[in-house]
Amino acid sequence: MSNFTTQQYLSRRTFLRASGVALALPWLDAMMPAFGADPKPTMRFVGILNIFSFHTPFLFPTESGRGYKSNAYLDALQEHREDFSIISGMSHPDVSGGHSGDLSFFTGAPLPTSPTFKNTISLDQAIGESVGRGTRYPALCLTTNAGRGSCSYTRNGVTLPAESSAERLFAKLFINGTPEEVAQEVKRLQQGKSILDRLQDKAKRLQQDVGARDKEKLDQYFTSVRELEQRLQQNQEYARMPKPKPNSPPIKDPAPGEDTVRLGLLLEVSRLALQADLTRSVSIHYGGTTKTPSDPQTSYSHHDCTHHGQSPDKLEILARLERDLLVEWGGFLERLKETKDGDARLMDRTMSVLGAAMGSANLHHNANLPILLAGGRFAHGQHLAFDPATPPPLCNLWLQILNEMGGEATKFGSSTASTVPGLLA
C-alpha cells in the first residue's frame, strides 16, 4: 500500500492489504479532496424480521406520543429512547395466514397463502438496487437459522439464500486471497490471532499520515475489529465446552441454538461492513432461540411459548426471551451511536427496523404489527399509534425508508403514501 500524506486524497475504496487479507477502511476526512464539497451523507439500512413476533401487551405503551410511559420491555432500550420510535397499528393489506405473512414482511406482496402467490422485491434488495451498486455487496442477506430462513427476495420474487455464520461473513468481508490463503487466515482467527497483526505496519503508517480526527476514527475501527475477532473466538470456545443439562423438558421444535447471541454477532459484523461502506443494506431473519443470554443454562422452546394461551408460566419465559432480544438490538444501537461517520454518528445515518409480520403469534394474527424504528433522520422518542381498524399500509414506511436511502420511488408494494405521518423531523 502507498504511503499517505494529509495532502493526498484517499479513495473511498481504500483497503489495507496483506497476503490473504483486505481490510476496508471507514470514511476518513482524508477521503475528501482538498477544498471539495462535503459529500452527501451515505445512509444505511438494517432490517430484522422476528418471525415469532413480540407479545405486544408487554411491548406497546398504553400512551401515544412522546410522553409514553416505559415498561419492562422498553426499559431495556431506555438509554436509546430519543433514537427510536415504537409504531403500532400498521399492517399489510391482504396479508394473512400467520407465519405465511413472513413472506410479505419486507415486500408487502398480497395473499401469501394463495397457491398462485408470487412474491415481489424486498426492501433490502430495492435499496441495494437503488443505492448499493457502488458497494462491494449491494445487500447482505443474513439469518440466525443455519441452512434455512430468509426475508430477502429478488425483483422476480425469488428467495435469496442467507448467511448464518458470523465467522464466515467476517471472512467473506475482510479476508481475501486464494482458497488456501483464506483457509489459513480463518484458521488463524480460530486460534485467536487478529488480521490486524498482519496489517500492523501499514496500519501504523496510515495512522501517522492522517489528521487527528482520522486517527481517532481508525483507532475506534481497529479496536472494533479486534473485539469482534475475540467475540468470535470466545463463541467457538464456548461451543466446545460441555453444556449443562437443561432444567426443562426436551425441546420439541428444531433447536436453533444460542441464536440471540448469534444475532448480536451478525449485527456487529454488519456494523463494520456499513462503516467500511462494503454494503448499505442488510436484512436479518431472526428465527427465535432455545438458549438466551440471561439464562444460558436452560433450554426453551421459543415457538411453544409464543402459543401461550395466556399461561403465566409461558408468558414469563416468553418475556425473558423477547426482552433479551431487545437488549441485543439495544447493544447494536449503542455501537452505532459510538461509531463516527464523518461529523455524525453512524446511528444518524443508519435506519434499523426490528419488527414482525404477526401482531399476535399466539393467535396467528397479521394485524397491529410491532415495529421498532431506530436511527436515520426521523423524529424519534415517541409512540406512533395508528388505529388497527384503519391502518396505513406498512409499505408506506418501506417507501419512506427507500427514499430516505436515496431512492426516487413513487410506489413500493401496497403503499398509498410516501411518508408516515408523525415521522418527519
Protein backbone atom coordinates (compact mmCIF):
# COMPACT_ATOMS: atom_id res chain seq x y z
CA MET A 1 0.00 0.00 0.00
CA SER A 2 1.25 3.52 -0.78
CA ASN A 3 2.49 6.00 1.77
CA PHE A 4 -0.13 8.64 2.56
CA THR A 5 0.11 12.29 3.48
CA THR A 6 -2.61 14.59 4.71
CA GLN A 7 -2.37 16.36 1.34
CA GLN A 8 -3.23 13.23 -0.62
CA TYR A 9 -6.78 12.24 -1.42
CA LEU A 10 -7.61 8.68 -0.38
CA SER A 11 -10.10 6.73 -2.46
CA ARG A 12 -13.35 5.77 -0.70
CA ARG A 13 -12.42 2.22 -1.75
CA THR A 14 -9.04 2.21 0.01
CA PHE A 15 -8.07 -1.12 1.60
CA LEU A 16 -5.22 -2.19 3.85
CA ARG A 17 -3.83 -5.27 2.14
CA ALA A 18 -1.62 -8.19 3.05
CA SER A 19 -1.45 -11.75 1.83
CA GLY A 20 -4.87 -13.25 2.42
CA VAL A 21 -6.32 -10.08 3.96
CA ALA A 22 -8.06 -7.00 2.59
CA LEU A 23 -9.44 -4.73 5.30
CA ALA A 24 -11.73 -1.95 4.12
CA LEU A 25 -11.47 1.39 5.89
CA PRO A 26 -14.19 3.61 7.37
CA TRP A 27 -14.94 7.06 5.98
CA LEU A 28 -11.99 9.36 6.72
CA ASP A 29 -11.54 13.09 6.26
CA ALA A 30 -8.57 12.24 4.03
CA MET A 31 -11.01 10.63 1.59
CA MET A 32 -12.45 14.05 0.70
CA PRO A 33 -10.42 16.08 -1.81
CA ALA A 34 -8.98 19.34 -0.52
CA PHE A 35 -11.50 22.17 -0.85
CA GLY A 36 -14.07 19.64 -2.07
CA ALA A 37 -17.70 19.96 -1.16
CA ASP A 38 -18.94 17.83 1.69
CA PRO A 39 -20.26 14.58 0.21
CA LYS A 40 -23.92 13.83 0.62
CA PRO A 41 -24.22 11.67 3.73
CA THR A 42 -24.40 7.97 2.95
CA MET A 43 -27.43 6.30 4.50
CA ARG A 44 -27.65 2.64 5.55
CA PHE A 45 -30.40 0.17 6.38
CA VAL A 46 -30.57 -2.86 8.69
CA GLY A 47 -33.91 -4.70 8.79
CA ILE A 48 -34.64 -7.55 11.22
CA LEU A 49 -37.67 -9.83 10.88
CA ASN A 50 -38.55 -11.53 14.18
CA ILE A 51 -40.65 -14.46 12.96
CA PHE A 52 -42.09 -15.17 16.44
CA SER A 53 -43.10 -11.53 16.93
CA PHE A 54 -43.47 -9.90 20.36
CA HIS A 55 -46.17 -10.19 22.96
CA THR A 56 -47.46 -6.71 22.18
CA PRO A 57 -49.24 -6.09 25.53
CA PHE A 58 -45.75 -6.20 27.04
CA LEU A 59 -44.24 -4.04 24.26
CA PHE A 60 -46.73 -1.33 23.27
CA PRO A 61 -47.07 1.61 25.68
CA THR A 62 -50.61 2.49 26.73
CA GLU A 63 -49.96 6.14 25.78
CA SER A 64 -49.12 7.58 22.37
CA GLY A 65 -46.77 10.43 21.53
CA ARG A 66 -43.55 11.47 23.20
CA GLY A 67 -44.86 11.24 26.73
CA TYR A 68 -45.42 7.49 26.75
CA LYS A 69 -44.58 5.59 29.91
CA SER A 70 -41.89 2.96 29.62
CA ASN A 71 -42.44 -0.68 30.54
CA ALA A 72 -40.34 -3.75 31.30
CA TYR A 73 -39.58 -4.30 27.60
CA LEU A 74 -38.83 -0.70 26.72
CA ASP A 75 -36.73 -0.27 29.85
CA ALA A 76 -34.16 -2.41 28.00
CA LEU A 77 -33.94 0.40 25.43
CA GLN A 78 -34.37 3.34 27.78
CA GLU A 79 -30.93 4.85 27.12
CA HIS A 80 -31.84 4.97 23.40
CA ARG A 81 -35.31 6.43 23.87
CA GLU A 82 -34.58 9.54 21.79
CA ASP A 83 -33.13 7.45 18.98
CA PHE A 84 -36.01 5.10 18.21
CA SER A 85 -39.79 5.05 17.80
CA ILE A 86 -42.42 2.43 18.57
CA ILE A 87 -45.04 2.12 15.83
CA SER A 88 -48.29 0.23 16.43
CA GLY A 89 -51.43 -0.31 14.39
CA MET A 90 -49.84 -0.82 10.95
CA SER A 91 -50.17 -3.91 8.76
CA HIS A 92 -50.02 -5.12 5.17
CA PRO A 93 -53.34 -5.13 3.27
CA ASP A 94 -54.46 -8.60 2.16
CA VAL A 95 -51.68 -10.35 4.06
CA SER A 96 -52.84 -13.09 6.42
CA GLY A 97 -52.09 -16.71 7.24
CA GLY A 98 -50.00 -16.34 10.37
CA HIS A 99 -46.40 -17.33 9.64
CA SER A 100 -47.09 -17.07 5.90
CA GLY A 101 -47.07 -13.31 6.45
CA ASP A 102 -43.29 -13.54 6.94
CA LEU A 103 -43.00 -13.92 3.16
CA SER A 104 -44.51 -10.48 2.71
CA PHE A 105 -42.97 -8.59 5.62
CA PHE A 106 -40.37 -6.65 3.62
CA THR A 107 -42.29 -6.84 0.32
CA GLY A 108 -45.98 -6.22 1.06
CA ALA A 109 -46.96 -8.79 -1.58
CA PRO A 110 -50.64 -9.75 -1.04
CA LEU A 111 -52.20 -13.17 -0.44
CA PRO A 112 -49.13 -15.16 0.68
CA THR A 113 -51.32 -18.23 1.33
CA SER A 114 -52.65 -18.32 -2.21
CA PRO A 115 -51.45 -21.22 -4.39
CA THR A 116 -50.69 -18.65 -7.09
CA PHE A 117 -48.76 -16.34 -4.75
CA LYS A 118 -45.77 -14.63 -6.31
CA ASN A 119 -43.54 -12.51 -4.16
CA THR A 120 -42.03 -9.17 -5.13
CA ILE A 121 -38.76 -7.43 -4.36
CA SER A 122 -37.92 -6.95 -0.68
CA LEU A 123 -36.98 -3.59 0.77
CA ASP A 124 -33.33 -4.53 1.35
CA GLN A 125 -32.90 -5.59 -2.27
CA ALA A 126 -34.69 -2.49 -3.57
CA ILE A 127 -32.25 -0.41 -1.53
CA GLY A 128 -29.36 -2.43 -2.93
CA GLU A 129 -30.57 -1.78 -6.49
CA SER A 130 -31.08 1.94 -5.85
CA VAL A 131 -28.04 2.97 -3.86
CA GLY A 132 -25.86 -0.09 -3.27
CA ARG A 133 -24.42 -0.73 -6.71
CA GLY A 134 -21.28 1.25 -5.89
CA THR A 135 -20.51 -1.01 -2.94
CA ARG A 136 -18.91 -4.43 -2.97
CA TYR A 137 -22.11 -6.06 -1.70
CA PRO A 138 -25.28 -4.20 -2.72
CA ALA A 139 -27.17 -6.04 0.04
CA LEU A 140 -26.32 -8.65 2.67
CA CYS A 141 -28.89 -11.34 3.43
CA LEU A 142 -28.43 -12.97 6.85
CA THR A 143 -30.26 -15.40 9.13
CA THR A 144 -29.92 -16.88 12.60
CA ASN A 145 -31.33 -20.19 11.32
CA ALA A 146 -28.44 -22.15 9.88
CA GLY A 147 -29.35 -23.52 6.48
CA ARG A 148 -32.83 -22.00 6.36
CA GLY A 149 -34.70 -18.76 6.79
CA SER A 150 -34.55 -15.64 4.64
CA CYS A 151 -36.56 -12.45 4.31
CA SER A 152 -34.87 -11.24 1.15
CA TYR A 153 -36.36 -11.56 -2.35
CA THR A 154 -35.30 -10.56 -5.84
CA ARG A 155 -37.37 -8.43 -8.19
CA ASN A 156 -38.79 -11.67 -9.56
CA GLY A 157 -39.77 -12.84 -6.09
CA VAL A 158 -37.06 -15.49 -5.77
CA THR A 159 -35.88 -16.16 -2.21
CA LEU A 160 -32.22 -15.33 -1.70
CA PRO A 161 -30.09 -17.69 0.41
CA ALA A 162 -28.95 -16.22 3.71
CA GLU A 163 -25.68 -16.49 5.63
CA SER A 164 -25.96 -17.66 9.23
CA SER A 165 -22.31 -17.74 10.34
CA ALA A 166 -20.73 -14.55 11.65
CA GLU A 167 -17.33 -16.17 11.17
CA ARG A 168 -17.97 -16.93 7.51
CA LEU A 169 -19.44 -13.46 7.00
CA PHE A 170 -16.38 -11.87 8.58
CA ALA A 171 -14.11 -13.93 6.34
CA LYS A 172 -16.18 -13.02 3.28
CA LEU A 173 -15.94 -9.31 4.04
CA PHE A 174 -12.40 -8.97 5.32
CA ILE A 175 -10.31 -11.92 4.11
CA ASN A 176 -9.10 -12.00 0.54
CA GLY A 177 -6.79 -14.26 -1.46
CA THR A 178 -6.55 -17.79 -2.78
CA PRO A 179 -8.68 -20.53 -1.20
CA GLU A 180 -5.56 -21.74 0.63
CA GLU A 181 -4.81 -18.24 1.96
CA VAL A 182 -8.39 -17.74 3.08
CA ALA A 183 -8.41 -21.14 4.82
CA GLN A 184 -5.15 -20.30 6.59
CA GLU A 185 -6.46 -16.91 7.71
CA VAL A 186 -9.67 -18.47 9.03
CA LYS A 187 -7.55 -20.97 10.96
CA ARG A 188 -5.57 -18.09 12.46
CA LEU A 189 -8.81 -16.41 13.54
CA GLN A 190 -9.95 -19.65 15.14
CA GLN A 191 -6.71 -19.62 17.12
CA GLY A 192 -7.46 -16.12 18.35
CA LYS A 193 -5.00 -14.27 16.08
CA SER A 194 -6.01 -10.92 14.66
CA ILE A 195 -5.86 -9.97 11.00
CA LEU A 196 -4.57 -6.63 12.26
CA ASP A 197 -1.33 -8.37 13.25
CA ARG A 198 -0.75 -8.94 9.53
CA LEU A 199 -1.51 -5.31 8.75
CA GLN A 200 0.27 -3.73 11.71
CA ASP A 201 2.99 -1.84 9.83
CA LYS A 202 0.61 -0.50 7.18
CA ALA A 203 -1.97 0.48 9.76
CA LYS A 204 0.65 2.36 11.80
CA ARG A 205 1.93 4.16 8.70
CA LEU A 206 -1.58 5.17 7.74
CA GLN A 207 -2.34 6.47 11.25
CA GLN A 208 0.85 8.55 11.20
CA ASP A 209 -0.04 10.23 7.92
CA VAL A 210 -3.63 11.32 8.59
CA GLY A 211 -5.13 14.02 10.76
CA ALA A 212 -6.11 13.76 14.42
CA ARG A 213 -9.81 13.06 13.71
CA ASP A 214 -8.92 10.29 11.27
CA LYS A 215 -6.52 8.77 13.80
CA GLU A 216 -9.35 8.62 16.30
CA LYS A 217 -11.70 7.01 13.76
CA LEU A 218 -9.11 4.44 12.74
CA ASP A 219 -8.31 3.59 16.34
CA GLN A 220 -12.01 3.06 17.07
CA TYR A 221 -12.45 0.95 13.93
CA PHE A 222 -9.39 -1.24 14.55
CA THR A 223 -10.47 -1.72 18.17
CA SER A 224 -13.90 -2.87 16.97
CA VAL A 225 -12.31 -5.37 14.58
CA ARG A 226 -10.16 -6.83 17.37
CA GLU A 227 -13.10 -7.03 19.78
CA LEU A 228 -15.21 -8.81 17.19
CA GLU A 229 -12.45 -11.31 16.50
CA GLN A 230 -12.24 -12.00 20.22
CA ARG A 231 -16.02 -12.48 20.45
CA LEU A 232 -15.93 -14.94 17.56
CA GLN A 233 -13.11 -16.85 19.24
CA GLN A 234 -14.89 -16.90 22.60
CA ASN A 235 -18.06 -18.11 20.91
CA GLN A 236 -16.15 -21.04 19.41
CA GLU A 237 -14.56 -21.91 22.73
CA TYR A 238 -17.94 -21.84 24.44
CA ALA A 239 -19.40 -24.10 21.75
CA ARG A 240 -16.74 -26.72 22.55
CA MET A 241 -17.47 -26.63 26.27
CA PRO A 242 -19.79 -29.29 27.73
CA LYS A 243 -23.25 -27.83 28.13
CA PRO A 244 -25.17 -28.15 31.41
CA LYS A 245 -28.18 -30.40 31.47
CA PRO A 246 -31.37 -28.47 30.71
CA ASN A 247 -33.78 -27.82 33.55
CA SER A 248 -36.80 -28.05 31.25
CA PRO A 249 -38.39 -30.86 29.20
CA PRO A 250 -36.77 -31.86 25.91
CA ILE A 251 -37.31 -29.35 23.09
CA LYS A 252 -39.93 -30.45 20.59
CA ASP A 253 -39.19 -27.94 17.85
CA PRO A 254 -35.88 -27.93 15.93
CA ALA A 255 -33.30 -26.22 18.15
CA PRO A 256 -31.69 -23.13 16.55
CA GLY A 257 -29.30 -22.89 19.50
CA GLU A 258 -27.95 -19.73 21.05
CA ASP A 259 -29.38 -17.55 18.34
CA THR A 260 -29.91 -14.33 20.26
CA VAL A 261 -26.13 -14.27 20.69
CA ARG A 262 -25.75 -15.24 17.03
CA LEU A 263 -27.90 -12.25 16.07
CA GLY A 264 -25.63 -9.95 18.05
CA LEU A 265 -22.54 -11.26 16.24
CA LEU A 266 -24.19 -10.86 12.84
CA LEU A 267 -25.19 -7.31 13.76
CA GLU A 268 -21.63 -6.47 14.79
CA VAL A 269 -20.13 -7.78 11.54
CA SER A 270 -22.84 -5.85 9.70
CA ARG A 271 -21.93 -2.65 11.57
CA LEU A 272 -18.30 -2.98 10.47
CA ALA A 273 -19.44 -3.61 6.89
CA LEU A 274 -21.63 -0.50 6.98
CA GLN A 275 -18.85 1.57 8.49
CA ALA A 276 -16.45 0.47 5.75
CA ASP A 277 -19.13 1.02 3.07
CA LEU A 278 -18.86 -2.59 1.92
CA THR A 279 -22.66 -2.59 1.88
CA ARG A 280 -25.51 -0.21 2.68
CA SER A 281 -28.33 -2.70 3.10
CA VAL A 282 -28.68 -5.67 5.47
CA SER A 283 -31.64 -7.98 6.13
CA ILE A 284 -31.67 -10.47 9.01
CA HIS A 285 -34.16 -13.29 9.52
CA TYR A 286 -34.37 -13.97 13.28
CA GLY A 287 -35.87 -17.40 13.90
CA GLY A 288 -36.09 -17.48 17.68
CA THR A 289 -33.79 -19.21 20.14
CA THR A 290 -33.54 -22.07 22.61
CA LYS A 291 -30.74 -20.51 24.65
CA THR A 292 -30.94 -16.95 25.89
CA PRO A 293 -28.17 -14.78 27.42
CA SER A 294 -29.93 -14.01 30.69
CA ASP A 295 -30.41 -17.73 31.45
CA PRO A 296 -27.82 -19.66 29.39
CA GLN A 297 -28.08 -22.88 31.43
CA THR A 298 -31.69 -23.54 30.43
CA SER A 299 -33.17 -24.61 27.11
CA TYR A 300 -36.50 -23.28 25.90
CA SER A 301 -38.99 -23.91 23.15
CA HIS A 302 -39.48 -20.41 21.78
CA HIS A 303 -42.27 -21.39 19.39
CA ASP A 304 -44.20 -23.22 22.10
CA CYS A 305 -44.01 -20.17 24.37
CA THR A 306 -45.49 -17.92 21.69
CA HIS A 307 -48.60 -20.13 21.83
CA HIS A 308 -49.00 -19.29 25.48
CA GLY A 309 -52.79 -19.28 25.75
CA GLN A 310 -52.29 -16.60 28.44
CA SER A 311 -50.42 -19.12 30.63
CA PRO A 312 -48.50 -17.06 33.22
CA ASP A 313 -45.60 -19.52 33.19
CA LYS A 314 -45.21 -19.41 29.41
CA LEU A 315 -45.61 -15.63 29.32
CA GLU A 316 -42.87 -15.28 31.92
CA ILE A 317 -40.49 -17.31 29.76
CA LEU A 318 -41.56 -15.51 26.59
CA ALA A 319 -40.91 -12.16 28.23
CA ARG A 320 -37.39 -13.29 29.10
CA LEU A 321 -36.65 -14.37 25.52
CA GLU A 322 -38.13 -11.23 23.98
CA ARG A 323 -36.50 -8.82 26.40
CA ASP A 324 -33.12 -10.42 25.73
CA LEU A 325 -33.70 -9.84 22.02
CA LEU A 326 -34.38 -6.17 22.69
CA VAL A 327 -31.23 -5.96 24.81
CA GLU A 328 -29.21 -7.38 21.90
CA TRP A 329 -30.71 -4.87 19.48
CA GLY A 330 -30.04 -2.12 22.03
CA GLY A 331 -26.37 -3.14 22.12
CA PHE A 332 -26.26 -2.74 18.35
CA LEU A 333 -27.81 0.73 18.66
CA GLU A 334 -25.24 1.66 21.29
CA ARG A 335 -22.38 0.69 18.99
CA LEU A 336 -23.95 2.69 16.17
CA LYS A 337 -24.07 5.72 18.47
CA GLU A 338 -20.42 5.24 19.47
CA THR A 339 -19.25 4.96 15.85
CA LYS A 340 -18.38 8.15 13.99
CA ASP A 341 -19.30 8.59 10.35
CA GLY A 342 -17.78 11.85 9.21
CA ASP A 343 -19.08 14.52 11.56
CA ALA A 344 -22.11 12.45 12.61
CA ARG A 345 -22.87 9.27 14.48
CA LEU A 346 -23.33 6.15 12.40
CA MET A 347 -26.71 5.92 14.19
CA ASP A 348 -27.85 9.11 12.46
CA ARG A 349 -27.08 7.59 9.08
CA THR A 350 -28.40 4.10 9.70
CA MET A 351 -32.09 3.20 9.78
CA SER A 352 -32.75 -0.03 11.64
CA VAL A 353 -36.11 -1.80 11.81
CA LEU A 354 -36.91 -4.60 14.25
CA GLY A 355 -40.38 -5.92 13.55
CA ALA A 356 -42.68 -8.84 12.88
CA ALA A 357 -45.31 -9.99 10.41
CA MET A 358 -47.70 -11.08 13.16
CA GLY A 359 -49.28 -8.80 15.72
CA SER A 360 -50.15 -11.89 17.76
CA ALA A 361 -48.15 -15.09 17.37
CA ASN A 362 -50.50 -16.71 19.89
CA LEU A 363 -53.47 -16.16 17.57
CA HIS A 364 -51.54 -16.02 14.25
CA HIS A 365 -52.98 -12.58 13.51
CA ASN A 366 -51.23 -10.42 10.93
CA ALA A 367 -52.60 -7.06 12.12
CA ASN A 368 -51.33 -4.38 14.51
CA LEU A 369 -47.72 -5.29 13.82
CA PRO A 370 -44.95 -4.45 16.31
CA ILE A 371 -42.49 -2.13 14.59
CA LEU A 372 -39.43 -0.55 16.20
CA LEU A 373 -37.61 2.01 14.04
CA ALA A 374 -34.26 3.48 15.07
CA GLY A 375 -31.78 5.93 13.62
CA GLY A 376 -31.89 8.00 10.49
CA ARG A 377 -33.35 11.50 10.24
CA PHE A 378 -36.68 10.80 11.87
CA ALA A 379 -38.47 12.43 14.80
CA HIS A 380 -37.85 9.70 17.37
CA GLY A 381 -38.62 9.36 21.06
CA GLN A 382 -42.30 8.63 20.50
CA HIS A 383 -45.00 6.01 20.20
CA LEU A 384 -46.82 6.39 16.90
CA ALA A 385 -50.16 4.64 17.49
CA PHE A 386 -52.39 4.11 14.45
CA ASP A 387 -55.89 2.70 14.54
CA PRO A 388 -55.59 -1.02 13.65
CA ALA A 389 -59.10 -0.84 12.14
CA THR A 390 -58.00 1.72 9.53
CA PRO A 391 -54.22 1.40 9.39
CA PRO A 392 -51.86 2.93 6.85
CA PRO A 393 -50.08 0.21 4.88
CA LEU A 394 -46.71 -0.78 6.32
CA CYS A 395 -45.33 -0.28 2.81
CA ASN A 396 -45.75 3.47 3.36
CA LEU A 397 -42.91 3.16 5.86
CA TRP A 398 -40.89 0.96 3.49
CA LEU A 399 -41.29 3.57 0.72
CA GLN A 400 -40.24 6.36 3.07
CA ILE A 401 -37.14 4.41 4.12
CA LEU A 402 -36.28 3.61 0.50
CA ASN A 403 -36.42 7.28 -0.44
CA GLU A 404 -34.52 8.33 2.69
CA MET A 405 -31.79 5.99 1.45
CA GLY A 406 -31.62 7.98 -1.76
CA GLY A 407 -34.12 6.14 -3.91
CA GLU A 408 -36.59 8.08 -6.03
CA ALA A 409 -39.54 5.69 -5.91
CA THR A 410 -43.16 6.75 -6.02
CA LYS A 411 -44.55 3.33 -5.12
CA PHE A 412 -43.45 0.28 -3.14
CA GLY A 413 -45.67 -2.74 -2.68
CA SER A 414 -49.07 -1.70 -1.34
CA SER A 415 -48.01 1.85 -0.42
CA THR A 416 -50.61 4.61 -0.62
CA ALA A 417 -48.40 7.49 0.53
CA SER A 418 -44.70 8.30 0.52
CA THR A 419 -44.43 9.15 4.22
CA VAL A 420 -45.79 8.02 7.58
CA PRO A 421 -47.49 10.83 9.50
CA GLY A 422 -45.50 11.93 12.51
CA LEU A 423 -42.11 10.55 11.50
CA LEU A 424 -40.64 13.57 9.75
CA ALA A 425 -38.27 15.59 11.90
